[in-house]
Amino acid sequence: MSNPGPATTVSAHPSNVTTNQALRLLAVAKGVNANAVATTQIQVNNSTTYMPKELIITNSNNAGTTVSAASLVATITPASGSGTSIFGSVTASNCTTNLGVQYVDASATSTAYQGQYLYANVTTASGNTGTVDIYVYGYDFS
């Protein structure tokens, strides 16, 4: 009789991915105007208590055509247009094409948040007509 190979057991990890042990998408805003100083409200999805940890800005485009948003400067705050930025002042220097990604870790987050909205505040416009997508990842403690 031939050897069928090594014995292997595959099972799911005992920790469910929906627990606070998993980094997950907390909020997303698509089509944020990169060429206007403004505040965009971003709804937090299915979390009552959470801690943002990572920010991604990507997909810099104008109606599907690549455009540079490298001069864009933005902050993410827990209150509309005010408060300390969770990620500091972020310059989207890597967003020179629609495939460019600006990745930022949270600045010394020492508290969890409970508001149902975060706010993307464009403080310096990109100078080019176009939009970007903003993703906020973190831990859900709900």
N, C-alpha and C. Protein backbone atom coordinates (compact mmCIF):
# COMPACT_ATOMS: atom_id res chain seq x y z
N MET A 1 0.85 -1.17 0.00
CA MET A 1 0.00 0.00 0.00
C MET A 1 0.89 1.24 0.00
N SER A 2 0.57 2.21 -0.85
CA SER A 2 1.39 3.41 -0.95
C SER A 2 1.06 4.39 0.17
N ASN A 3 2.02 5.23 0.47
CA ASN A 3 1.85 6.23 1.51
C ASN A 3 1.00 7.37 0.96
N PRO A 4 -0.13 7.71 1.60
CA PRO A 4 -1.00 8.77 1.09
C PRO A 4 -0.47 10.17 1.41
N GLY A 5 0.64 10.29 2.10
CA GLY A 5 1.20 11.60 2.45
C GLY A 5 1.07 11.87 3.93
N PRO A 6 1.58 12.98 4.39
CA PRO A 6 1.54 13.28 5.81
C PRO A 6 0.11 13.54 6.29
N ALA A 7 -0.12 13.21 7.56
CA ALA A 7 -1.42 13.48 8.16
C ALA A 7 -1.54 14.98 8.40
N THR A 8 -2.63 15.56 8.00
CA THR A 8 -2.84 17.00 8.15
C THR A 8 -4.24 17.25 8.67
N THR A 9 -4.33 18.15 9.63
CA THR A 9 -5.63 18.57 10.14
C THR A 9 -5.77 20.06 9.91
N VAL A 10 -6.83 20.47 9.26
CA VAL A 10 -7.10 21.88 9.01
C VAL A 10 -8.38 22.23 9.75
N SER A 11 -8.28 23.24 10.61
CA SER A 11 -9.47 23.69 11.33
C SER A 11 -9.45 25.20 11.46
N ALA A 12 -10.59 25.76 11.74
CA ALA A 12 -10.70 27.21 11.90
C ALA A 12 -10.05 27.63 13.21
N HIS A 13 -9.48 28.82 13.19
CA HIS A 13 -8.89 29.36 14.42
C HIS A 13 -10.03 29.60 15.42
N PRO A 14 -9.81 29.33 16.71
CA PRO A 14 -10.89 29.47 17.69
C PRO A 14 -11.36 30.91 17.90
N SER A 15 -10.60 31.89 17.44
CA SER A 15 -11.00 33.28 17.59
C SER A 15 -11.73 33.75 16.34
N ASN A 16 -12.97 34.14 16.48
CA ASN A 16 -13.78 34.61 15.37
C ASN A 16 -13.20 35.91 14.83
N VAL A 17 -13.18 36.09 13.53
CA VAL A 17 -12.61 37.28 12.91
C VAL A 17 -13.38 38.55 13.29
N THR A 18 -14.61 38.42 13.75
CA THR A 18 -15.38 39.60 14.12
C THR A 18 -15.07 40.10 15.52
N THR A 19 -14.16 39.47 16.21
CA THR A 19 -13.81 39.94 17.55
C THR A 19 -12.85 41.10 17.47
N ASN A 20 -12.59 41.75 18.61
CA ASN A 20 -11.71 42.90 18.63
C ASN A 20 -10.25 42.54 18.42
N GLN A 21 -9.95 41.26 18.22
CA GLN A 21 -8.58 40.83 17.97
C GLN A 21 -8.21 40.98 16.49
N ALA A 22 -9.17 41.35 15.68
CA ALA A 22 -8.92 41.45 14.24
C ALA A 22 -8.97 42.91 13.79
N LEU A 23 -7.95 43.31 13.05
CA LEU A 23 -7.94 44.62 12.43
C LEU A 23 -8.96 44.57 11.30
N ARG A 24 -9.88 45.52 11.29
CA ARG A 24 -10.92 45.48 10.25
C ARG A 24 -11.24 46.88 9.75
N LEU A 25 -11.94 46.94 8.64
CA LEU A 25 -12.35 48.22 8.07
C LEU A 25 -13.42 48.83 8.96
N LEU A 26 -13.13 50.00 9.50
CA LEU A 26 -14.10 50.69 10.36
C LEU A 26 -14.96 51.67 9.57
N ALA A 27 -14.34 52.38 8.62
CA ALA A 27 -15.07 53.41 7.88
C ALA A 27 -14.42 53.62 6.52
N VAL A 28 -15.24 53.99 5.55
CA VAL A 28 -14.73 54.26 4.20
C VAL A 28 -15.52 55.42 3.59
N ALA A 29 -14.78 56.28 2.89
CA ALA A 29 -15.40 57.37 2.13
C ALA A 29 -14.80 57.33 0.73
N LYS A 30 -15.64 57.10 -0.25
CA LYS A 30 -15.18 57.06 -1.64
C LYS A 30 -15.57 58.36 -2.34
N GLY A 31 -14.71 58.81 -3.22
CA GLY A 31 -15.01 60.00 -4.00
C GLY A 31 -14.90 61.30 -3.22
N VAL A 32 -13.95 61.37 -2.27
CA VAL A 32 -13.74 62.61 -1.52
C VAL A 32 -13.05 63.62 -2.43
N ASN A 33 -13.61 64.82 -2.53
CA ASN A 33 -13.05 65.85 -3.39
C ASN A 33 -11.66 66.23 -2.90
N ALA A 34 -10.65 65.99 -3.72
CA ALA A 34 -9.26 66.27 -3.35
C ALA A 34 -8.87 67.70 -3.66
N ASN A 35 -9.72 68.43 -4.36
CA ASN A 35 -9.36 69.78 -4.78
C ASN A 35 -10.22 70.84 -4.12
N ALA A 36 -10.71 70.56 -2.91
CA ALA A 36 -11.49 71.55 -2.17
C ALA A 36 -11.21 71.41 -0.69
N VAL A 37 -10.95 72.52 -0.03
CA VAL A 37 -10.78 72.51 1.42
C VAL A 37 -12.18 72.34 2.00
N ALA A 38 -12.43 71.17 2.58
CA ALA A 38 -13.77 70.84 3.08
C ALA A 38 -13.68 69.69 4.06
N THR A 39 -14.78 69.41 4.73
CA THR A 39 -14.88 68.30 5.67
C THR A 39 -15.89 67.30 5.13
N THR A 40 -15.50 66.03 5.13
CA THR A 40 -16.38 64.95 4.68
C THR A 40 -16.68 64.04 5.86
N GLN A 41 -17.96 63.81 6.12
CA GLN A 41 -18.39 62.91 7.19
C GLN A 41 -18.25 61.47 6.72
N ILE A 42 -17.63 60.62 7.56
CA ILE A 42 -17.44 59.21 7.22
C ILE A 42 -18.13 58.37 8.28
N GLN A 43 -19.13 57.60 7.90
CA GLN A 43 -19.86 56.78 8.87
C GLN A 43 -19.02 55.58 9.29
N VAL A 44 -19.00 55.33 10.61
CA VAL A 44 -18.33 54.16 11.17
C VAL A 44 -19.30 52.99 11.04
N ASN A 45 -18.82 51.87 10.50
CA ASN A 45 -19.67 50.72 10.22
C ASN A 45 -19.71 49.72 11.37
N ASN A 46 -20.89 49.47 11.89
CA ASN A 46 -21.15 48.39 12.85
C ASN A 46 -20.22 48.38 14.06
N SER A 47 -19.90 49.52 14.61
CA SER A 47 -19.08 49.60 15.81
C SER A 47 -19.63 50.68 16.73
N THR A 48 -19.69 50.37 18.00
CA THR A 48 -20.07 51.39 18.97
C THR A 48 -18.87 51.90 19.74
N THR A 49 -17.84 51.08 19.88
CA THR A 49 -16.59 51.47 20.52
C THR A 49 -15.45 50.91 19.69
N TYR A 50 -14.50 51.76 19.31
CA TYR A 50 -13.46 51.33 18.38
C TYR A 50 -12.20 52.17 18.57
N MET A 51 -11.09 51.67 18.03
CA MET A 51 -9.82 52.39 18.06
C MET A 51 -9.21 52.36 16.66
N PRO A 52 -9.21 53.49 15.96
CA PRO A 52 -8.59 53.55 14.63
C PRO A 52 -7.08 53.33 14.72
N LYS A 53 -6.53 52.56 13.79
CA LYS A 53 -5.09 52.27 13.80
C LYS A 53 -4.40 52.56 12.47
N GLU A 54 -5.11 52.45 11.36
CA GLU A 54 -4.47 52.63 10.05
C GLU A 54 -5.36 53.45 9.13
N LEU A 55 -4.72 54.28 8.32
CA LEU A 55 -5.42 55.11 7.34
C LEU A 55 -4.81 54.84 5.97
N ILE A 56 -5.67 54.67 4.97
CA ILE A 56 -5.23 54.49 3.59
C ILE A 56 -5.96 55.50 2.72
N ILE A 57 -5.19 56.24 1.93
CA ILE A 57 -5.76 57.15 0.93
C ILE A 57 -5.29 56.62 -0.42
N THR A 58 -6.21 56.42 -1.35
CA THR A 58 -5.86 55.82 -2.65
C THR A 58 -6.87 56.22 -3.72
N ASN A 59 -6.69 55.69 -4.92
CA ASN A 59 -7.59 55.85 -6.05
C ASN A 59 -7.77 57.31 -6.44
N SER A 60 -6.68 58.00 -6.63
CA SER A 60 -6.70 59.39 -7.05
C SER A 60 -7.07 59.45 -8.53
N ASN A 61 -8.27 59.96 -8.82
CA ASN A 61 -8.70 59.99 -10.22
C ASN A 61 -9.70 61.10 -10.48
N ASN A 62 -9.91 61.40 -11.75
CA ASN A 62 -10.90 62.36 -12.20
C ASN A 62 -11.75 61.67 -13.24
N ALA A 63 -12.94 61.24 -12.84
CA ALA A 63 -13.86 60.52 -13.72
C ALA A 63 -13.20 59.31 -14.36
N GLY A 64 -12.40 58.59 -13.57
CA GLY A 64 -11.76 57.38 -14.05
C GLY A 64 -10.39 57.56 -14.66
N THR A 65 -9.96 58.80 -14.84
CA THR A 65 -8.65 59.09 -15.40
C THR A 65 -7.69 59.45 -14.26
N THR A 66 -6.50 58.88 -14.29
CA THR A 66 -5.51 59.15 -13.25
C THR A 66 -5.22 60.64 -13.13
N VAL A 67 -5.14 61.10 -11.88
CA VAL A 67 -4.77 62.48 -11.59
C VAL A 67 -3.96 62.48 -10.30
N SER A 68 -3.04 63.39 -10.17
CA SER A 68 -2.20 63.44 -8.97
C SER A 68 -2.90 64.20 -7.84
N ALA A 69 -2.92 63.58 -6.66
CA ALA A 69 -3.41 64.24 -5.46
C ALA A 69 -2.27 64.37 -4.46
N ALA A 70 -1.03 64.39 -4.97
CA ALA A 70 0.16 64.37 -4.11
C ALA A 70 0.26 65.59 -3.20
N SER A 71 -0.38 66.68 -3.55
CA SER A 71 -0.32 67.89 -2.72
C SER A 71 -1.42 67.95 -1.67
N LEU A 72 -2.32 66.98 -1.72
CA LEU A 72 -3.44 66.94 -0.76
C LEU A 72 -2.91 66.77 0.66
N VAL A 73 -3.43 67.55 1.59
CA VAL A 73 -3.14 67.39 3.01
C VAL A 73 -4.47 67.24 3.73
N ALA A 74 -4.58 66.20 4.56
CA ALA A 74 -5.84 65.93 5.24
C ALA A 74 -5.60 65.48 6.67
N THR A 75 -6.64 65.61 7.48
CA THR A 75 -6.64 65.08 8.85
C THR A 75 -7.91 64.26 9.02
N ILE A 76 -7.88 63.33 9.97
CA ILE A 76 -9.07 62.56 10.33
C ILE A 76 -9.34 62.85 11.80
N THR A 77 -10.50 63.39 12.09
CA THR A 77 -10.83 63.77 13.46
C THR A 77 -12.11 63.08 13.91
N PRO A 78 -12.29 62.92 15.23
CA PRO A 78 -13.52 62.31 15.74
C PRO A 78 -14.67 63.30 15.83
N ALA A 79 -14.38 64.60 15.69
CA ALA A 79 -15.42 65.63 15.73
C ALA A 79 -15.34 66.45 14.46
N SER A 80 -16.45 66.96 14.00
CA SER A 80 -16.52 67.68 12.74
C SER A 80 -15.60 68.89 12.70
N GLY A 81 -14.56 68.80 11.86
CA GLY A 81 -13.68 69.92 11.63
C GLY A 81 -12.85 70.36 12.81
N SER A 82 -12.87 69.62 13.90
CA SER A 82 -12.11 70.05 15.07
C SER A 82 -11.56 68.85 15.82
N GLY A 83 -10.79 69.12 16.83
CA GLY A 83 -10.20 68.06 17.63
C GLY A 83 -8.86 67.64 17.09
N THR A 84 -8.16 66.83 17.85
CA THR A 84 -6.85 66.34 17.46
C THR A 84 -6.99 65.29 16.37
N SER A 85 -6.17 65.39 15.35
CA SER A 85 -6.21 64.42 14.26
C SER A 85 -5.69 63.08 14.74
N ILE A 86 -6.41 62.04 14.44
CA ILE A 86 -6.03 60.67 14.85
C ILE A 86 -4.75 60.23 14.15
N PHE A 87 -4.52 60.72 12.94
CA PHE A 87 -3.36 60.30 12.14
C PHE A 87 -2.38 61.43 11.87
N GLY A 88 -2.53 62.54 12.57
CA GLY A 88 -1.68 63.69 12.32
C GLY A 88 -2.09 64.36 11.02
N SER A 89 -1.26 65.23 10.52
CA SER A 89 -1.51 65.90 9.26
C SER A 89 -0.90 65.04 8.16
N VAL A 90 -1.74 64.50 7.28
CA VAL A 90 -1.32 63.51 6.29
C VAL A 90 -1.21 64.16 4.90
N THR A 91 -0.03 64.09 4.32
CA THR A 91 0.17 64.54 2.94
C THR A 91 0.12 63.30 2.04
N ALA A 92 -0.71 63.35 1.01
CA ALA A 92 -0.91 62.20 0.12
C ALA A 92 0.16 62.15 -0.96
N SER A 93 1.42 62.22 -0.56
CA SER A 93 2.53 62.30 -1.52
C SER A 93 2.66 61.09 -2.43
N ASN A 94 2.18 59.93 -2.01
CA ASN A 94 2.25 58.73 -2.85
C ASN A 94 1.09 58.63 -3.84
N CYS A 95 0.13 59.52 -3.74
CA CYS A 95 -1.07 59.44 -4.59
C CYS A 95 -0.89 60.24 -5.88
N THR A 96 0.11 59.85 -6.66
CA THR A 96 0.37 60.52 -7.94
C THR A 96 -0.39 59.86 -9.09
N THR A 97 -0.92 58.64 -8.85
CA THR A 97 -1.74 57.93 -9.84
C THR A 97 -2.89 57.27 -9.09
N ASN A 98 -3.82 56.68 -9.82
CA ASN A 98 -4.94 56.00 -9.16
C ASN A 98 -4.48 54.75 -8.42
N LEU A 99 -3.29 54.23 -8.69
CA LEU A 99 -2.75 53.07 -7.99
C LEU A 99 -1.88 53.45 -6.80
N GLY A 100 -1.60 54.74 -6.63
CA GLY A 100 -0.79 55.20 -5.51
C GLY A 100 -1.55 55.03 -4.20
N VAL A 101 -0.82 54.67 -3.14
CA VAL A 101 -1.43 54.45 -1.83
C VAL A 101 -0.65 55.19 -0.77
N GLN A 102 -1.34 56.02 -0.01
CA GLN A 102 -0.73 56.66 1.15
C GLN A 102 -1.20 55.90 2.38
N TYR A 103 -0.26 55.29 3.10
CA TYR A 103 -0.57 54.46 4.27
C TYR A 103 0.01 55.14 5.50
N VAL A 104 -0.82 55.30 6.55
CA VAL A 104 -0.39 56.00 7.75
C VAL A 104 -0.90 55.26 8.98
N ASP A 105 -0.02 55.10 9.98
CA ASP A 105 -0.42 54.56 11.28
C ASP A 105 -0.96 55.68 12.15
N ALA A 106 -1.82 55.33 13.08
CA ALA A 106 -2.38 56.31 14.00
C ALA A 106 -1.28 56.92 14.86
N SER A 107 -1.44 58.19 15.19
CA SER A 107 -0.50 58.89 16.06
C SER A 107 -0.87 58.60 17.51
N ALA A 108 -0.07 57.85 18.21
CA ALA A 108 -0.21 57.61 19.65
C ALA A 108 -1.66 57.61 20.15
N THR A 109 -2.48 56.74 19.58
CA THR A 109 -3.87 56.64 20.01
C THR A 109 -3.92 56.07 21.41
N SER A 110 -4.50 56.82 22.32
CA SER A 110 -4.55 56.36 23.71
C SER A 110 -5.97 56.24 24.23
N THR A 111 -6.93 56.39 23.35
CA THR A 111 -8.31 56.30 23.77
C THR A 111 -9.15 55.64 22.68
N ALA A 112 -10.21 54.99 23.10
CA ALA A 112 -11.17 54.44 22.13
C ALA A 112 -12.19 55.53 21.82
N TYR A 113 -12.87 55.38 20.71
CA TYR A 113 -13.88 56.36 20.29
C TYR A 113 -15.24 55.69 20.24
N GLN A 114 -16.30 56.50 20.38
CA GLN A 114 -17.66 55.97 20.32
C GLN A 114 -18.56 56.69 19.35
N GLY A 115 -18.12 57.77 18.75
CA GLY A 115 -18.95 58.48 17.79
C GLY A 115 -19.22 57.63 16.56
N GLN A 116 -20.37 57.83 15.97
CA GLN A 116 -20.72 57.04 14.79
C GLN A 116 -20.20 57.62 13.49
N TYR A 117 -19.43 58.72 13.62
CA TYR A 117 -18.82 59.33 12.44
C TYR A 117 -17.40 59.75 12.74
N LEU A 118 -16.55 59.64 11.73
CA LEU A 118 -15.24 60.27 11.72
C LEU A 118 -15.32 61.35 10.64
N TYR A 119 -14.35 62.25 10.64
CA TYR A 119 -14.41 63.36 9.69
C TYR A 119 -13.08 63.50 8.98
N ALA A 120 -13.14 63.48 7.65
CA ALA A 120 -11.96 63.71 6.81
C ALA A 120 -11.94 65.20 6.49
N ASN A 121 -10.92 65.88 6.96
CA ASN A 121 -10.80 67.32 6.76
C ASN A 121 -9.67 67.59 5.76
N VAL A 122 -10.03 68.00 4.55
CA VAL A 122 -9.01 68.38 3.57
C VAL A 122 -8.58 69.79 3.95
N THR A 123 -7.32 69.92 4.40
CA THR A 123 -6.83 71.22 4.84
C THR A 123 -6.02 71.94 3.76
N THR A 124 -5.50 71.17 2.79
CA THR A 124 -4.82 71.75 1.63
C THR A 124 -5.29 70.97 0.40
N ALA A 125 -5.88 71.68 -0.54
CA ALA A 125 -6.38 71.04 -1.76
C ALA A 125 -5.22 70.55 -2.62
N SER A 126 -5.49 69.55 -3.44
CA SER A 126 -4.45 68.94 -4.28
C SER A 126 -3.99 69.84 -5.42
N GLY A 127 -4.84 70.76 -5.85
CA GLY A 127 -4.50 71.60 -7.00
C GLY A 127 -4.89 70.98 -8.32
N ASN A 128 -5.39 69.74 -8.28
CA ASN A 128 -5.86 69.04 -9.48
C ASN A 128 -7.29 68.57 -9.24
N THR A 129 -8.14 68.74 -10.22
CA THR A 129 -9.51 68.28 -10.09
C THR A 129 -9.52 66.77 -10.01
N GLY A 130 -10.15 66.23 -8.97
CA GLY A 130 -10.22 64.78 -8.81
C GLY A 130 -10.69 64.39 -7.43
N THR A 131 -10.77 63.10 -7.22
CA THR A 131 -11.23 62.56 -5.94
C THR A 131 -10.26 61.50 -5.43
N VAL A 132 -10.39 61.16 -4.15
CA VAL A 132 -9.63 60.07 -3.54
C VAL A 132 -10.59 59.24 -2.70
N ASP A 133 -10.18 58.03 -2.39
CA ASP A 133 -10.92 57.16 -1.48
C ASP A 133 -10.15 57.07 -0.18
N ILE A 134 -10.87 57.10 0.94
CA ILE A 134 -10.25 57.07 2.26
C ILE A 134 -10.78 55.88 3.03
N TYR A 135 -9.85 55.07 3.56
CA TYR A 135 -10.20 53.88 4.34
C TYR A 135 -9.59 54.01 5.73
N VAL A 136 -10.39 53.74 6.78
CA VAL A 136 -9.89 53.76 8.15
C VAL A 136 -10.07 52.35 8.72
N TYR A 137 -8.94 51.77 9.15
CA TYR A 137 -8.95 50.43 9.75
C TYR A 137 -8.66 50.56 11.24
N GLY A 138 -9.19 49.61 12.01
CA GLY A 138 -8.92 49.63 13.44
C GLY A 138 -9.52 48.43 14.13
N TYR A 139 -9.59 48.52 15.45
CA TYR A 139 -10.12 47.43 16.29
C TYR A 139 -11.48 47.80 16.81
N ASP A 140 -12.41 46.87 16.75
CA ASP A 140 -13.78 47.07 17.21
C ASP A 140 -13.91 46.44 18.60
N PHE A 141 -14.26 47.27 19.59
CA PHE A 141 -14.42 46.78 20.97
C PHE A 141 -15.88 46.60 21.37
N SER A 142 -16.81 46.75 20.42
CA SER A 142 -18.24 46.67 20.74
C SER A 142 -18.62 45.29 21.21
